[in-house]
Amino acid sequence: MNKKRLQLSDIKRVIITYQDIDHIGNLFELSNLIPELELLAHADDIPYLTGDLPFIKFTRERIEMMPGPAKDMALHFLESWRAGRSPVCSATTADSTRAAPIH
């Protein structure tokens, strides 16, 4: 971003392609840093991203195999998500393919 002279506020949308930690791990921080950030996901993924259903790939069993600090961070992330603090709310368009940050 620095080479292109972009700022964090230049990010307007994030497309969530699947549930791995490297794709969703920074959603809390990004949604806090960019309150107007729009999160986009397939309609079938919305219940997982809102916390209504447990993640399929990002499970406690997989987290237990991670090394030290990564494991601690992942467990904290998963507990926060399950505690209803997902940065994603329900679909916002008629085709149900879009999600928006919780404000």
Protein backbone atom coordinates (compact mmCIF):
# COMPACT_ATOMS: atom_id res chain seq x y z
CA MET A 1 0.00 0.00 0.00
CA ASN A 2 2.85 2.38 0.77
CA LYS A 3 4.35 2.11 -2.72
CA LYS A 4 0.99 3.02 -4.26
CA ARG A 5 0.46 5.79 -1.67
CA LEU A 6 -2.71 4.16 -0.45
CA GLN A 7 -4.08 4.51 3.03
CA LEU A 8 -6.09 2.08 5.10
CA SER A 9 -9.14 4.29 4.59
CA ASP A 10 -8.87 3.64 0.84
CA ILE A 11 -10.13 0.09 1.46
CA LYS A 12 -13.88 0.13 0.86
CA ARG A 13 -14.76 -3.56 0.53
CA VAL A 14 -13.41 -6.95 1.54
CA ILE A 15 -14.52 -10.12 -0.23
CA ILE A 16 -14.58 -13.06 2.16
CA THR A 17 -13.82 -16.07 0.00
CA TYR A 18 -13.75 -18.78 2.66
CA GLN A 19 -13.44 -19.44 6.37
CA ASP A 20 -9.71 -20.01 6.92
CA ILE A 21 -8.05 -17.77 9.53
CA ASP A 22 -5.86 -16.13 6.87
CA HIS A 23 -9.04 -14.93 5.16
CA ILE A 24 -11.10 -13.87 8.18
CA GLY A 25 -8.56 -13.34 10.96
CA ASN A 26 -8.33 -9.57 10.63
CA LEU A 27 -12.03 -8.81 10.19
CA PHE A 28 -12.41 -7.54 13.77
CA GLU A 29 -9.48 -5.16 13.45
CA LEU A 30 -10.39 -3.99 9.96
CA SER A 31 -14.02 -3.34 10.86
CA ASN A 32 -12.86 -1.30 13.87
CA LEU A 33 -10.29 0.67 11.88
CA ILE A 34 -12.60 1.22 8.90
CA PRO A 35 -16.15 1.57 10.31
CA GLU A 36 -17.70 2.00 6.86
CA LEU A 37 -16.00 -1.15 5.51
CA GLU A 38 -18.31 -3.33 3.44
CA LEU A 39 -17.82 -7.08 3.79
CA LEU A 40 -18.96 -9.24 0.89
CA ALA A 41 -19.60 -12.98 1.03
CA HIS A 42 -21.61 -15.66 -0.72
CA ALA A 43 -25.13 -16.01 0.69
CA ASP A 44 -24.40 -19.57 1.86
CA ASP A 45 -21.54 -18.28 4.04
CA ILE A 46 -23.56 -15.57 5.81
CA PRO A 47 -24.79 -17.82 8.69
CA TYR A 48 -21.19 -18.87 9.45
CA LEU A 49 -19.90 -15.31 9.28
CA THR A 50 -22.64 -13.95 11.51
CA GLY A 51 -21.96 -16.65 14.11
CA ASP A 52 -25.32 -18.38 13.61
CA LEU A 53 -23.48 -21.57 12.55
CA PRO A 54 -20.04 -22.85 13.62
CA PHE A 55 -17.21 -22.59 11.11
CA ILE A 56 -16.63 -25.68 8.99
CA LYS A 57 -12.85 -25.48 8.49
CA PHE A 58 -11.78 -23.26 11.40
CA THR A 59 -12.50 -25.64 14.25
CA ARG A 60 -11.14 -26.00 17.77
CA GLU A 61 -9.50 -29.27 16.69
CA ARG A 62 -7.54 -27.53 13.92
CA ILE A 63 -6.60 -24.70 16.25
CA GLU A 64 -5.20 -27.16 18.80
CA MET A 65 -2.61 -28.21 16.18
CA MET A 66 -1.28 -24.63 15.81
CA PRO A 67 1.96 -23.53 17.51
CA GLY A 68 1.93 -21.35 20.70
CA PRO A 69 1.08 -17.70 19.95
CA ALA A 70 -0.87 -18.53 16.77
CA LYS A 71 -2.96 -20.99 18.74
CA ASP A 72 -3.66 -18.44 21.48
CA MET A 73 -4.68 -15.80 18.94
CA ALA A 74 -6.89 -18.25 17.04
CA LEU A 75 -8.62 -19.46 20.21
CA HIS A 76 -9.31 -15.86 21.27
CA PHE A 77 -10.65 -15.07 17.79
CA LEU A 78 -12.92 -18.12 17.78
CA GLU A 79 -14.26 -17.44 21.29
CA SER A 80 -14.95 -13.80 20.40
CA TRP A 81 -16.74 -14.83 17.22
CA ARG A 82 -18.85 -17.41 19.04
CA ALA A 83 -19.65 -14.92 21.78
CA GLY A 84 -21.69 -12.99 19.26
CA ARG A 85 -19.10 -10.36 18.48
CA SER A 86 -18.80 -11.19 14.79
CA PRO A 87 -17.93 -8.10 12.71
CA VAL A 88 -20.49 -9.26 10.17
CA CYS A 89 -24.25 -8.82 10.27
CA SER A 90 -26.90 -10.44 8.11
CA ALA A 91 -27.25 -10.00 4.35
CA THR A 92 -28.14 -6.50 3.22
CA THR A 93 -29.24 -6.94 -0.38
CA ALA A 94 -32.08 -8.73 -2.09
CA ASP A 95 -29.76 -11.34 -3.59
CA SER A 96 -28.30 -12.09 -0.12
CA THR A 97 -24.72 -12.06 -1.35
CA ARG A 98 -23.57 -9.07 0.65
CA ALA A 99 -22.81 -8.57 4.30
CA ALA A 100 -21.99 -5.36 6.13
CA PRO A 101 -20.02 -4.62 9.29
CA ILE A 102 -21.78 -4.37 12.63
CA HIS A 103 -21.78 -0.79 13.87
